[in-house]
Amino acid sequence: MPDIPLSDRSPGAPRAAGSAAFSPLYQQIKGLLLQSLDRGEWKPGEAIPSEFDLAARFQVSQGTVRKAIDELAAENLLLRRQGKGTFVATHNEARVRYRFLRLTPDEGRPPVSGSRILECRRVKSAPDVARLLDLRMSETVVNLRRVLSFDQVPTILDDIWLPGAVFRGLTAESLARYRGPLYALFESEFGVSMVRAEEKIKAVRAGAEPAELLQVPEGEPLLQVERVSYTYGDRPMELRRGLYLTEHFHYRNSLN
């Protein structure tokens, strides 16, 4: 169904999702663009229509469209490429991927990374997992456990939970075959784009099992990071609890 030009909407017509009453026109256009991204009208890595074409589609000025696109680009949902156009952000792009990878080597040289899948199983969600993923109690989730190594040194132990209804078909075998970033796999195979995350961080000591998997003494200081990642519409799609060995790394963040 084509978008209804905002100029033609009746006073009682619904506005773009999430927009407040009397929101600026560019915010309404931004909401419509987000709806198109959420529907998958433009896939990760694909170019979106030109500002001229979008202005004609929504019956607004190019300046209004440009302002909406500027905000989406500032939020890293769209990427502008000089002389080529504007593209949907993808986790195959390094600048997008590293927004979600905060562990940085102290010496600055990018390490060679590797992933070892320990298990991938479908289980009933625990109450805290269901709450954070906005699921019903005991709804099925995919529980993934892996060890990430940098320069062949085990550095991160990740426990990940994903909504089972969305990630049907995700198996340890498919994860082992895939060589790219995990979020890029979610995009290409399951149509899920992670667009933002919230994290909680604290210092802990390694218990017996994490110490064994990370090859450190029991009681070793670790950084514990709990992350909830969201797709369009602020829908939670991943709960991740990681234990980070920071002897040669630090956790980097940018406050804008």
Protein backbone atom coordinates (compact mmCIF):
# COMPACT_ATOMS: atom_id res chain seq x y z
CA MET A 1 0.00 0.00 0.00
CA PRO A 2 1.55 3.37 -0.97
CA ASP A 3 2.37 5.94 1.69
CA ILE A 4 -0.28 8.58 2.16
CA PRO A 5 1.19 12.04 1.59
CA LEU A 6 1.25 13.84 4.90
CA SER A 7 -0.23 16.92 3.31
CA ASP A 8 -3.32 14.86 2.38
CA ARG A 9 -3.92 13.28 5.77
CA SER A 10 -7.14 14.11 7.51
CA PRO A 11 -6.98 15.44 11.11
CA GLY A 12 -7.97 12.03 12.43
CA ALA A 13 -5.55 10.00 10.27
CA PRO A 14 -2.83 8.06 12.08
CA ARG A 15 0.59 9.59 12.20
CA ALA A 16 3.91 7.77 11.84
CA ALA A 17 4.60 5.29 14.60
CA GLY A 18 6.07 6.91 17.68
CA SER A 19 5.47 10.50 16.56
CA ALA A 20 3.89 12.88 19.02
CA ALA A 21 0.93 15.08 18.18
CA PHE A 22 2.03 18.13 16.16
CA SER A 23 5.52 16.69 15.64
CA PRO A 24 7.63 18.47 13.02
CA LEU A 25 7.09 17.31 9.46
CA TYR A 26 10.62 15.92 9.12
CA GLN A 27 10.02 13.77 12.22
CA GLN A 28 6.92 12.33 10.59
CA ILE A 29 8.96 11.55 7.47
CA LYS A 30 11.62 9.95 9.66
CA GLY A 31 8.91 7.76 11.20
CA LEU A 32 7.72 6.67 7.76
CA LEU A 33 11.28 5.85 6.71
CA LEU A 34 11.71 3.79 9.87
CA GLN A 35 8.52 1.89 9.05
CA SER A 36 9.92 1.08 5.60
CA LEU A 37 13.20 -0.09 7.13
CA ASP A 38 11.32 -2.22 9.65
CA ARG A 39 9.23 -3.82 6.87
CA GLY A 40 12.40 -4.64 4.96
CA GLU A 41 11.50 -2.49 1.97
CA TRP A 42 15.22 -1.66 1.74
CA LYS A 43 17.58 -4.39 2.93
CA PRO A 44 20.80 -3.83 4.92
CA GLY A 45 23.48 -2.63 2.53
CA GLU A 46 20.99 -1.50 -0.13
CA ALA A 47 20.60 2.07 -1.35
CA ILE A 48 17.41 3.89 -0.43
CA PRO A 49 15.65 6.09 -3.03
CA SER A 50 17.06 9.54 -3.72
CA GLU A 51 15.90 12.56 -1.75
CA PHE A 52 14.13 13.74 -4.89
CA ASP A 53 12.17 10.47 -5.22
CA LEU A 54 11.33 10.35 -1.51
CA ALA A 55 10.15 13.96 -1.59
CA ALA A 56 7.82 13.07 -4.46
CA ARG A 57 6.60 9.95 -2.68
CA PHE A 58 5.74 11.81 0.53
CA GLN A 59 4.78 15.09 -1.20
CA VAL A 60 7.14 17.18 0.89
CA SER A 61 10.23 19.25 0.11
CA GLN A 62 13.66 17.72 -0.44
CA GLY A 63 14.89 19.75 2.53
CA THR A 64 12.38 18.00 4.79
CA VAL A 65 13.49 14.58 3.53
CA ARG A 66 17.14 15.55 3.91
CA LYS A 67 16.63 16.53 7.54
CA ALA A 68 14.93 13.20 8.28
CA ILE A 69 17.75 11.28 6.58
CA ASP A 70 20.36 13.35 8.45
CA GLU A 71 18.88 12.20 11.77
CA LEU A 72 18.82 8.56 10.68
CA ALA A 73 22.43 8.85 9.52
CA ALA A 74 23.41 10.42 12.87
CA GLU A 75 21.79 7.43 14.58
CA ASN A 76 23.84 5.08 12.34
CA LEU A 77 20.74 3.58 10.73
CA LEU A 78 21.67 4.99 7.32
CA LEU A 79 25.10 5.59 5.79
CA ARG A 80 25.86 8.37 3.33
CA ARG A 81 28.48 7.62 0.68
CA GLN A 82 29.89 10.57 -1.22
CA GLY A 83 28.79 10.46 -4.84
CA LYS A 84 26.94 7.14 -4.42
CA GLY A 85 23.87 7.86 -2.32
CA THR A 86 22.46 6.78 1.03
CA PHE A 87 22.48 3.15 2.14
CA VAL A 88 20.87 1.08 4.87
CA ALA A 89 23.45 0.38 7.58
CA THR A 90 24.67 -3.20 7.77
CA HIS A 91 26.81 -5.06 10.28
CA ASN A 92 28.99 -6.16 7.39
CA GLU A 93 30.28 -2.56 7.44
CA ALA A 94 33.16 -2.10 9.90
CA ARG A 95 31.94 1.31 11.09
CA VAL A 96 28.58 -0.23 12.08
CA ARG A 97 30.02 -3.45 13.49
CA TYR A 98 32.48 -1.68 15.79
CA ARG A 99 29.69 0.38 17.35
CA PHE A 100 28.75 -2.85 19.15
CA LEU A 101 32.29 -4.14 19.77
CA ARG A 102 33.64 -2.04 22.62
CA LEU A 103 36.60 -4.12 23.75
CA THR A 104 39.72 -2.47 22.35
CA PRO A 105 43.36 -3.63 22.57
CA ASP A 106 45.54 -1.40 24.75
CA GLU A 107 48.24 -1.22 22.10
CA GLY A 108 45.77 -0.27 19.37
CA ARG A 109 46.65 -3.00 16.86
CA PRO A 110 43.49 -4.88 15.74
CA PRO A 111 43.83 -8.49 16.91
CA VAL A 112 42.97 -11.60 14.90
CA SER A 113 39.64 -12.81 16.27
CA GLY A 114 38.12 -16.27 16.45
CA SER A 115 34.92 -17.78 17.82
CA ARG A 116 34.30 -21.20 19.37
CA ILE A 117 30.67 -22.25 19.76
CA LEU A 118 30.21 -24.22 22.98
CA GLU A 119 26.48 -24.87 22.62
CA CYS A 120 23.35 -23.68 20.88
CA ARG A 121 20.06 -25.04 22.18
CA ARG A 122 16.38 -24.21 22.42
CA VAL A 123 15.18 -23.84 26.02
CA LYS A 124 12.31 -22.32 27.96
CA SER A 125 13.13 -18.78 28.99
CA ALA A 126 13.91 -18.04 32.62
CA PRO A 127 11.84 -15.22 34.18
CA ASP A 128 14.62 -12.62 33.92
CA VAL A 129 15.34 -13.52 30.29
CA ALA A 130 11.64 -13.38 29.37
CA ARG A 131 11.29 -9.97 31.03
CA LEU A 132 14.29 -8.44 29.25
CA LEU A 133 13.25 -9.85 25.85
CA ASP A 134 9.60 -8.91 26.37
CA LEU A 135 8.46 -12.55 26.04
CA ARG A 136 5.83 -14.59 27.81
CA MET A 137 7.00 -16.67 30.77
CA SER A 138 8.61 -19.94 29.64
CA GLU A 139 8.47 -18.95 25.96
CA THR A 140 11.14 -20.71 23.93
CA VAL A 141 14.47 -18.97 23.40
CA VAL A 142 17.68 -19.92 21.62
CA ASN A 143 20.53 -20.04 24.13
CA LEU A 144 23.98 -19.67 22.58
CA ARG A 145 27.28 -19.93 24.44
CA ARG A 146 30.62 -19.13 22.85
CA VAL A 147 34.21 -18.12 23.57
CA LEU A 148 35.76 -15.29 21.57
CA SER A 149 39.53 -15.33 21.24
CA PHE A 150 41.85 -12.53 20.16
CA ASP A 151 45.24 -13.56 18.77
CA GLN A 152 44.31 -17.10 19.90
CA VAL A 153 43.88 -16.02 23.54
CA PRO A 154 40.39 -16.72 25.03
CA THR A 155 39.11 -13.27 25.99
CA ILE A 156 35.28 -13.19 26.10
CA LEU A 157 32.76 -15.75 27.34
CA ASP A 158 29.34 -14.89 25.92
CA ASP A 159 25.94 -16.25 26.97
CA ILE A 160 23.30 -15.11 24.46
CA TRP A 161 19.52 -15.52 24.43
CA LEU A 162 17.37 -14.89 21.34
CA PRO A 163 13.57 -15.16 20.80
CA GLY A 164 12.97 -18.70 19.57
CA ALA A 165 10.08 -17.76 17.28
CA VAL A 166 12.29 -15.32 15.36
CA PHE A 167 15.48 -17.38 15.21
CA ARG A 168 14.09 -20.69 14.03
CA GLY A 169 16.76 -22.74 12.32
CA LEU A 170 19.72 -21.24 14.18
CA THR A 171 21.98 -24.15 15.11
CA ALA A 172 25.51 -24.72 16.33
CA GLU A 173 26.34 -26.10 12.88
CA SER A 174 25.11 -23.00 11.04
CA LEU A 175 27.00 -20.78 13.48
CA ALA A 176 30.20 -22.78 13.03
CA ARG A 177 29.96 -22.48 9.22
CA TYR A 178 29.42 -18.72 9.26
CA ARG A 179 32.64 -16.66 9.20
CA GLY A 180 31.28 -13.14 9.51
CA PRO A 181 29.96 -11.04 12.42
CA LEU A 182 27.08 -12.57 14.37
CA TYR A 183 24.83 -9.55 13.83
CA ALA A 184 25.46 -9.77 10.07
CA LEU A 185 24.21 -13.38 10.20
CA PHE A 186 21.07 -12.20 11.98
CA GLU A 187 20.51 -9.67 9.17
CA SER A 188 21.06 -12.00 6.25
CA GLU A 189 19.42 -15.18 7.55
CA PHE A 190 16.69 -13.93 9.88
CA GLY A 191 15.94 -10.39 8.70
CA VAL A 192 16.80 -8.89 12.10
CA SER A 193 18.87 -5.69 12.24
CA MET A 194 20.27 -4.71 15.62
CA VAL A 195 20.12 -0.92 15.68
CA ARG A 196 20.84 -0.01 19.30
CA ALA A 197 21.74 -1.56 22.64
CA GLU A 198 21.65 -0.85 26.36
CA GLU A 199 24.40 -2.17 28.61
CA LYS A 200 25.15 -2.63 32.29
CA ILE A 201 28.78 -3.11 33.31
CA LYS A 202 30.41 -4.19 36.57
CA ALA A 203 33.57 -5.85 37.84
CA VAL A 204 33.36 -9.48 39.02
CA ARG A 205 35.67 -12.38 39.84
CA ALA A 206 35.83 -15.46 37.67
CA GLY A 207 33.96 -18.50 38.95
CA ALA A 208 35.28 -22.01 38.38
CA GLU A 209 33.63 -22.64 34.97
CA PRO A 210 34.36 -19.23 33.39
CA ALA A 211 37.94 -19.43 34.69
CA GLU A 212 38.41 -22.79 33.00
CA LEU A 213 36.93 -21.61 29.70
CA LEU A 214 38.95 -18.38 29.69
CA GLN A 215 42.06 -20.21 30.90
CA VAL A 216 42.62 -17.94 33.90
CA PRO A 217 42.86 -18.64 37.64
CA GLU A 218 39.62 -18.83 39.58
CA GLY A 219 38.96 -15.43 41.14
CA GLU A 220 40.60 -13.54 38.25
CA PRO A 221 39.08 -10.03 37.86
CA LEU A 222 36.72 -9.85 34.87
CA LEU A 223 34.43 -7.24 33.37
CA GLN A 224 30.80 -8.37 33.25
CA VAL A 225 28.69 -6.76 30.52
CA GLU A 226 24.95 -7.32 30.19
CA ARG A 227 23.53 -6.06 26.90
CA VAL A 228 20.01 -5.93 25.51
CA SER A 229 20.01 -5.23 21.76
CA TYR A 230 17.01 -3.83 19.93
CA THR A 231 15.76 -3.84 16.35
CA TYR A 232 13.49 -1.24 14.75
CA GLY A 233 10.51 -0.20 16.84
CA ASP A 234 12.58 -0.68 20.01
CA ARG A 235 11.85 -4.41 20.04
CA PRO A 236 14.37 -6.39 22.14
CA MET A 237 15.95 -9.17 20.07
CA GLU A 238 18.99 -10.25 22.06
CA LEU A 239 20.10 -10.58 25.66
CA ARG A 240 23.84 -11.02 25.98
CA ARG A 241 25.82 -11.55 29.18
CA GLY A 242 29.55 -11.47 28.62
CA LEU A 243 32.60 -11.94 30.81
CA TYR A 244 35.58 -10.00 29.50
CA LEU A 245 39.26 -10.56 30.28
CA THR A 246 40.81 -7.08 30.21
CA GLU A 247 44.48 -7.72 30.97
CA HIS A 248 45.45 -6.41 27.51
CA PHE A 249 42.18 -4.70 26.58
CA HIS A 250 39.96 -1.85 27.71
CA TYR A 251 36.26 -1.10 27.26
CA ARG A 252 35.83 1.91 24.97
CA ASN A 253 32.81 4.16 24.78
CA SER A 254 31.96 7.45 23.09
CA LEU A 255 29.63 9.90 24.79
CA ASN A 256 27.96 12.20 22.26
